[in-house]
Amino acid sequence: MNKLIVALIAGTFAAVASAQTPAPAPAAAPAAPAKSEMKKDEMKKDDSKMTADQKKAADKEAAAAKKKADKEAKAAKKKADKEAAAKKKDADKMASDKASSDKMAADKAAKDKAAAPKQ
Protein backbone atom coordinates (compact mmCIF):
# COMPACT_ATOMS: atom_id res chain seq x y z
CA MET A 1 0.00 0.00 0.00
CA ASN A 2 2.80 2.40 0.93
CA LYS A 3 4.59 1.60 -2.32
CA LEU A 4 1.45 2.45 -4.26
CA ILE A 5 1.09 5.81 -2.52
CA VAL A 6 4.76 6.62 -3.13
CA ALA A 7 4.40 5.69 -6.80
CA LEU A 8 1.30 7.89 -7.18
CA ILE A 9 2.99 10.87 -5.51
CA ALA A 10 6.14 10.45 -7.63
CA GLY A 11 4.05 10.17 -10.79
CA THR A 12 2.13 13.33 -9.87
CA PHE A 13 5.36 15.24 -9.28
CA ALA A 14 6.75 14.04 -12.60
CA ALA A 15 3.59 15.09 -14.46
CA VAL A 16 3.60 18.54 -12.88
CA ALA A 17 7.29 19.03 -13.60
CA SER A 18 6.93 18.04 -17.23
CA ALA A 19 3.93 20.38 -17.64
CA GLN A 20 5.92 23.31 -16.24
CA THR A 21 8.96 22.76 -18.43
CA PRO A 22 8.95 25.24 -21.34
CA ALA A 23 8.77 23.87 -24.85
CA PRO A 24 12.01 23.98 -26.83
CA ALA A 25 12.41 27.08 -28.93
CA PRO A 26 11.66 26.62 -32.63
CA ALA A 27 14.52 26.90 -35.10
CA ALA A 28 15.27 30.53 -35.89
CA ALA A 29 14.24 31.70 -39.32
CA PRO A 30 16.65 33.88 -41.27
CA ALA A 31 16.30 37.42 -39.96
CA ALA A 32 14.59 39.97 -42.18
CA PRO A 33 16.18 43.41 -42.40
CA ALA A 34 15.16 45.71 -39.59
CA LYS A 35 12.30 48.12 -40.25
CA SER A 36 14.54 51.12 -39.66
CA GLU A 37 16.95 49.84 -42.31
CA MET A 38 14.07 49.33 -44.72
CA LYS A 39 12.85 52.87 -44.06
CA LYS A 40 16.32 54.25 -44.66
CA ASP A 41 16.51 52.41 -47.97
CA GLU A 42 13.09 53.73 -48.97
CA MET A 43 14.09 57.27 -47.99
CA LYS A 44 17.22 57.01 -50.11
CA LYS A 45 15.16 55.85 -53.06
CA ASP A 46 12.67 58.68 -52.50
CA ASP A 47 15.48 61.24 -52.18
CA SER A 48 16.94 60.21 -55.49
CA LYS A 49 13.56 60.75 -57.17
CA MET A 50 13.00 64.20 -55.60
CA THR A 51 14.11 67.38 -57.24
CA ALA A 52 15.85 70.16 -55.34
CA ASP A 53 12.64 72.18 -55.13
CA GLN A 54 10.74 69.22 -53.75
CA LYS A 55 13.44 68.65 -51.15
CA LYS A 56 13.28 72.29 -50.06
CA ALA A 57 9.49 72.10 -49.78
CA ALA A 58 9.69 68.89 -47.78
CA ASP A 59 12.32 70.38 -45.47
CA LYS A 60 10.19 73.48 -45.00
CA GLU A 61 7.13 71.36 -44.11
CA ALA A 62 9.18 69.29 -41.69
CA ALA A 63 10.53 72.43 -40.01
CA ALA A 64 7.01 73.87 -39.71
CA ALA A 65 5.70 70.63 -38.23
CA LYS A 66 8.57 70.52 -35.73
CA LYS A 67 7.99 74.15 -34.77
CA LYS A 68 4.27 73.47 -34.25
CA ALA A 69 5.00 70.38 -32.15
CA ASP A 70 7.51 72.32 -30.03
CA LYS A 71 4.98 75.11 -29.50
CA GLU A 72 2.29 72.64 -28.43
CA ALA A 73 4.70 70.87 -26.08
CA LYS A 74 5.73 74.19 -24.54
CA ALA A 75 2.08 75.16 -24.02
CA ALA A 76 1.29 71.79 -22.43
CA LYS A 77 4.28 72.09 -20.10
CA LYS A 78 3.27 75.62 -19.14
CA LYS A 79 -0.27 74.44 -18.38
CA ALA A 80 1.00 71.51 -16.29
CA ASP A 81 3.38 73.79 -14.37
CA LYS A 82 0.54 76.23 -13.71
CA GLU A 83 -1.71 73.44 -12.41
CA ALA A 84 1.08 72.07 -10.22
CA ALA A 85 1.72 75.53 -8.77
CA ALA A 86 -1.99 75.95 -8.03
CA LYS A 87 -2.14 72.56 -6.30
CA LYS A 88 0.95 73.41 -4.25
CA LYS A 89 -0.53 76.76 -3.28
CA ASP A 90 -3.77 75.07 -2.18
CA ALA A 91 -1.85 72.46 -0.19
CA ASP A 92 0.26 75.14 1.51
CA LYS A 93 -2.87 77.14 2.34
CA MET A 94 -4.57 74.09 3.80
CA ALA A 95 -1.49 73.27 5.85
CA SER A 96 -1.22 76.80 7.21
CA ASP A 97 -4.97 76.86 7.97
CA LYS A 98 -4.66 73.57 9.82
CA ALA A 99 -1.62 74.80 11.73
CA SER A 100 -3.38 78.01 12.75
CA SER A 101 -6.54 76.15 13.77
CA ASP A 102 -4.43 73.68 15.80
CA LYS A 103 -2.65 76.60 17.49
CA MET A 104 -5.95 78.31 18.25
CA ALA A 105 -7.33 75.09 19.72
CA ALA A 106 -4.22 74.64 21.85
CA ASP A 107 -4.41 78.27 23.04
CA LYS A 108 -8.11 77.85 23.87
CA ALA A 109 -7.41 74.63 25.76
CA ALA A 110 -4.64 76.31 27.74
CA LYS A 111 -6.88 79.29 28.47
CA ASP A 112 -9.73 77.00 29.57
CA LYS A 113 -7.37 75.04 31.78
CA ALA A 114 -6.04 78.23 33.38
CA ALA A 115 -9.54 79.63 33.88
CA ALA A 116 -10.91 76.42 35.39
CA PRO A 117 -11.37 76.69 39.15
CA LYS A 118 -9.05 74.56 41.25
CA GLN A 119 -10.76 72.01 43.46
C-alpha atoms as a PDB file:
ATOM      1  CA  MET A   1       0.000   0.000   0.000  1.00  0.00           C
ATOM      2  CA  ASN A   2       2.797   2.398   0.928  1.00  0.00           C
ATOM      3  CA  LYS A   3       4.589   1.603  -2.318  1.00  0.00           C
ATOM      4  CA  LEU A   4       1.452   2.452  -4.262  1.00  0.00           C
ATOM      5  CA  ILE A   5       1.094   5.812  -2.518  1.00  0.00           C
ATOM      6  CA  VAL A   6       4.764   6.621  -3.126  1.00  0.00           C
ATOM      7  CA  ALA A   7       4.398   5.691  -6.802  1.00  0.00           C
ATOM      8  CA  LEU A   8       1.299   7.895  -7.184  1.00  0.00           C
ATOM      9  CA  ILE A   9       2.986  10.868  -5.513  1.00  0.00           C
ATOM     10  CA  ALA A  10       6.138  10.450  -7.626  1.00  0.00           C
ATOM     11  CA  GLY A  11       4.048  10.172 -10.785  1.00  0.00           C
ATOM     12  CA  THR A  12       2.135  13.334  -9.872  1.00  0.00           C
ATOM     13  CA  PHE A  13       5.359  15.243  -9.281  1.00  0.00           C
ATOM     14  CA  ALA A  14       6.752  14.042 -12.602  1.00  0.00           C
ATOM     15  CA  ALA A  15       3.593  15.092 -14.455  1.00  0.00           C
ATOM     16  CA  VAL A  16       3.598  18.537 -12.879  1.00  0.00           C
ATOM     17  CA  ALA A  17       7.294  19.033 -13.601  1.00  0.00           C
ATOM     18  CA  SER A  18       6.925  18.042 -17.227  1.00  0.00           C
ATOM     19  CA  ALA A  19       3.928  20.376 -17.639  1.00  0.00           C
ATOM     20  CA  GLN A  20       5.917  23.311 -16.244  1.00  0.00           C
ATOM     21  CA  THR A  21       8.959  22.760 -18.431  1.00  0.00           C
ATOM     22  CA  PRO A  22       8.949  25.239 -21.345  1.00  0.00           C
ATOM     23  CA  ALA A  23       8.768  23.868 -24.847  1.00  0.00           C
ATOM     24  CA  PRO A  24      12.012  23.976 -26.830  1.00  0.00           C
ATOM     25  CA  ALA A  25      12.412  27.083 -28.932  1.00  0.00           C
ATOM     26  CA  PRO A  26      11.659  26.621 -32.631  1.00  0.00           C
ATOM     27  CA  ALA A  27      14.516  26.902 -35.097  1.00  0.00           C
ATOM     28  CA  ALA A  28      15.273  30.528 -35.888  1.00  0.00           C
ATOM     29  CA  ALA A  29      14.244  31.700 -39.324  1.00  0.00           C
ATOM     30  CA  PRO A  30      16.650  33.882 -41.267  1.00  0.00           C
ATOM     31  CA  ALA A  31      16.301  37.420 -39.962  1.00  0.00           C
ATOM     32  CA  ALA A  32      14.594  39.968 -42.181  1.00  0.00           C
ATOM     33  CA  PRO A  33      16.179  43.408 -42.398  1.00  0.00           C
ATOM     34  CA  ALA A  34      15.158  45.709 -39.585  1.00  0.00           C
ATOM     35  CA  LYS A  35      12.296  48.122 -40.247  1.00  0.00           C
ATOM     36  CA  SER A  36      14.536  51.117 -39.657  1.00  0.00           C
ATOM     37  CA  GLU A  37      16.950  49.844 -42.308  1.00  0.00           C
ATOM     38  CA  MET A  38      14.068  49.328 -44.716  1.00  0.00           C
ATOM     39  CA  LYS A  39      12.849  52.870 -44.063  1.00  0.00           C
ATOM     40  CA  LYS A  40      16.321  54.253 -44.663  1.00  0.00           C
ATOM     41  CA  ASP A  41      16.507  52.414 -47.970  1.00  0.00           C
ATOM     42  CA  GLU A  42      13.088  53.734 -48.967  1.00  0.00           C
ATOM     43  CA  MET A  43      14.088  57.266 -47.995  1.00  0.00           C
ATOM     44  CA  LYS A  44      17.220  57.007 -50.114  1.00  0.00           C
ATOM     45  CA  LYS A  45      15.158  55.846 -53.061  1.00  0.00           C
ATOM     46  CA  ASP A  46      12.671  58.676 -52.503  1.00  0.00           C
ATOM     47  CA  ASP A  47      15.478  61.236 -52.183  1.00  0.00           C
ATOM     48  CA  SER A  48      16.945  60.212 -55.488  1.00  0.00           C
ATOM     49  CA  LYS A  49      13.562  60.750 -57.168  1.00  0.00           C
ATOM     50  CA  MET A  50      12.998  64.204 -55.598  1.00  0.00           C
ATOM     51  CA  THR A  51      14.112  67.377 -57.238  1.00  0.00           C
ATOM     52  CA  ALA A  52      15.854  70.160 -55.344  1.00  0.00           C
ATOM     53  CA  ASP A  53      12.638  72.185 -55.133  1.00  0.00           C
ATOM     54  CA  GLN A  54      10.737  69.224 -53.752  1.00  0.00           C
ATOM     55  CA  LYS A  55      13.437  68.645 -51.150  1.00  0.00           C
ATOM     56  CA  LYS A  56      13.279  72.288 -50.062  1.00  0.00           C
ATOM     57  CA  ALA A  57       9.491  72.103 -49.776  1.00  0.00           C
ATOM     58  CA  ALA A  58       9.689  68.886 -47.778  1.00  0.00           C
ATOM     59  CA  ASP A  59      12.318  70.375 -45.470  1.00  0.00           C
ATOM     60  CA  LYS A  60      10.186  73.476 -44.995  1.00  0.00           C
ATOM     61  CA  GLU A  61       7.133  71.359 -44.109  1.00  0.00           C
ATOM     62  CA  ALA A  62       9.181  69.287 -41.686  1.00  0.00           C
ATOM     63  CA  ALA A  63      10.529  72.434 -40.008  1.00  0.00           C
ATOM     64  CA  ALA A  64       7.015  73.872 -39.714  1.00  0.00           C
ATOM     65  CA  ALA A  65       5.698  70.626 -38.232  1.00  0.00           C
ATOM     66  CA  LYS A  66       8.567  70.520 -35.734  1.00  0.00           C
ATOM     67  CA  LYS A  67       7.986  74.147 -34.768  1.00  0.00           C
ATOM     68  CA  LYS A  68       4.273  73.467 -34.247  1.00  0.00           C
ATOM     69  CA  ALA A  69       4.997  70.382 -32.146  1.00  0.00           C
ATOM     70  CA  ASP A  70       7.508  72.319 -30.027  1.00  0.00           C
ATOM     71  CA  LYS A  71       4.981  75.111 -29.501  1.00  0.00           C
ATOM     72  CA  GLU A  72       2.295  72.638 -28.427  1.00  0.00           C
ATOM     73  CA  ALA A  73       4.699  70.871 -26.078  1.00  0.00           C
ATOM     74  CA  LYS A  74       5.728  74.187 -24.537  1.00  0.00           C
ATOM     75  CA  ALA A  75       2.076  75.158 -24.017  1.00  0.00           C
ATOM     76  CA  ALA A  76       1.287  71.787 -22.434  1.00  0.00           C
ATOM     77  CA  LYS A  77       4.280  72.092 -20.099  1.00  0.00           C
ATOM     78  CA  LYS A  78       3.274  75.623 -19.136  1.00  0.00           C
ATOM     79  CA  LYS A  79      -0.269  74.439 -18.376  1.00  0.00           C
ATOM     80  CA  ALA A  80       1.001  71.514 -16.294  1.00  0.00           C
ATOM     81  CA  ASP A  81       3.380  73.788 -14.372  1.00  0.00           C
ATOM     82  CA  LYS A  82       0.544  76.228 -13.708  1.00  0.00           C
ATOM     83  CA  GLU A  83      -1.707  73.444 -12.410  1.00  0.00           C
ATOM     84  CA  ALA A  84       1.083  72.071 -10.220  1.00  0.00           C
ATOM     85  CA  ALA A  85       1.722  75.527  -8.771  1.00  0.00           C
ATOM     86  CA  ALA A  86      -1.988  75.954  -8.031  1.00  0.00           C
ATOM     87  CA  LYS A  87      -2.135  72.564  -6.301  1.00  0.00           C
ATOM     88  CA  LYS A  88       0.951  73.405  -4.252  1.00  0.00           C
ATOM     89  CA  LYS A  89      -0.526  76.759  -3.282  1.00  0.00           C
ATOM     90  CA  ASP A  90      -3.765  75.073  -2.182  1.00  0.00           C
ATOM     91  CA  ALA A  91      -1.848  72.456  -0.194  1.00  0.00           C
ATOM     92  CA  ASP A  92       0.258  75.139   1.505  1.00  0.00           C
ATOM     93  CA  LYS A  93      -2.866  77.144   2.345  1.00  0.00           C
ATOM     94  CA  MET A  94      -4.568  74.088   3.799  1.00  0.00           C
ATOM     95  CA  ALA A  95      -1.486  73.270   5.847  1.00  0.00           C
ATOM     96  CA  SER A  96      -1.222  76.798   7.215  1.00  0.00           C
ATOM     97  CA  ASP A  97      -4.969  76.861   7.970  1.00  0.00           C
ATOM     98  CA  LYS A  98      -4.660  73.574   9.825  1.00  0.00           C
ATOM     99  CA  ALA A  99      -1.618  74.795  11.727  1.00  0.00           C
ATOM    100  CA  SER A 100      -3.380  78.008  12.747  1.00  0.00           C
ATOM    101  CA  SER A 101      -6.537  76.145  13.771  1.00  0.00           C
ATOM    102  CA  ASP A 102      -4.430  73.679  15.796  1.00  0.00           C
ATOM    103  CA  LYS A 103      -2.649  76.598  17.487  1.00  0.00           C
ATOM    104  CA  MET A 104      -5.948  78.313  18.249  1.00  0.00           C
ATOM    105  CA  ALA A 105      -7.334  75.088  19.717  1.00  0.00           C
ATOM    106  CA  ALA A 106      -4.224  74.644  21.854  1.00  0.00           C
ATOM    107  CA  ASP A 107      -4.414  78.268  23.036  1.00  0.00           C
ATOM    108  CA  LYS A 108      -8.106  77.845  23.874  1.00  0.00           C
ATOM    109  CA  ALA A 109      -7.412  74.630  25.762  1.00  0.00           C
ATOM    110  CA  ALA A 110      -4.639  76.309  27.737  1.00  0.00           C
ATOM    111  CA  LYS A 111      -6.876  79.289  28.471  1.00  0.00           C
ATOM    112  CA  ASP A 112      -9.729  77.002  29.567  1.00  0.00           C
ATOM    113  CA  LYS A 113      -7.368  75.039  31.776  1.00  0.00           C
ATOM    114  CA  ALA A 114      -6.043  78.227  33.382  1.00  0.00           C
ATOM    115  CA  ALA A 115      -9.543  79.628  33.877  1.00  0.00           C
ATOM    116  CA  ALA A 116     -10.908  76.423  35.390  1.00  0.00           C
ATOM    117  CA  PRO A 117     -11.372  76.692  39.148  1.00  0.00           C
ATOM    118  CA  LYS A 118      -9.054  74.556  41.251  1.00  0.00           C
ATOM    119  CA  GLN A 119     -10.762  72.005  43.456  1.00  0.00           C
END
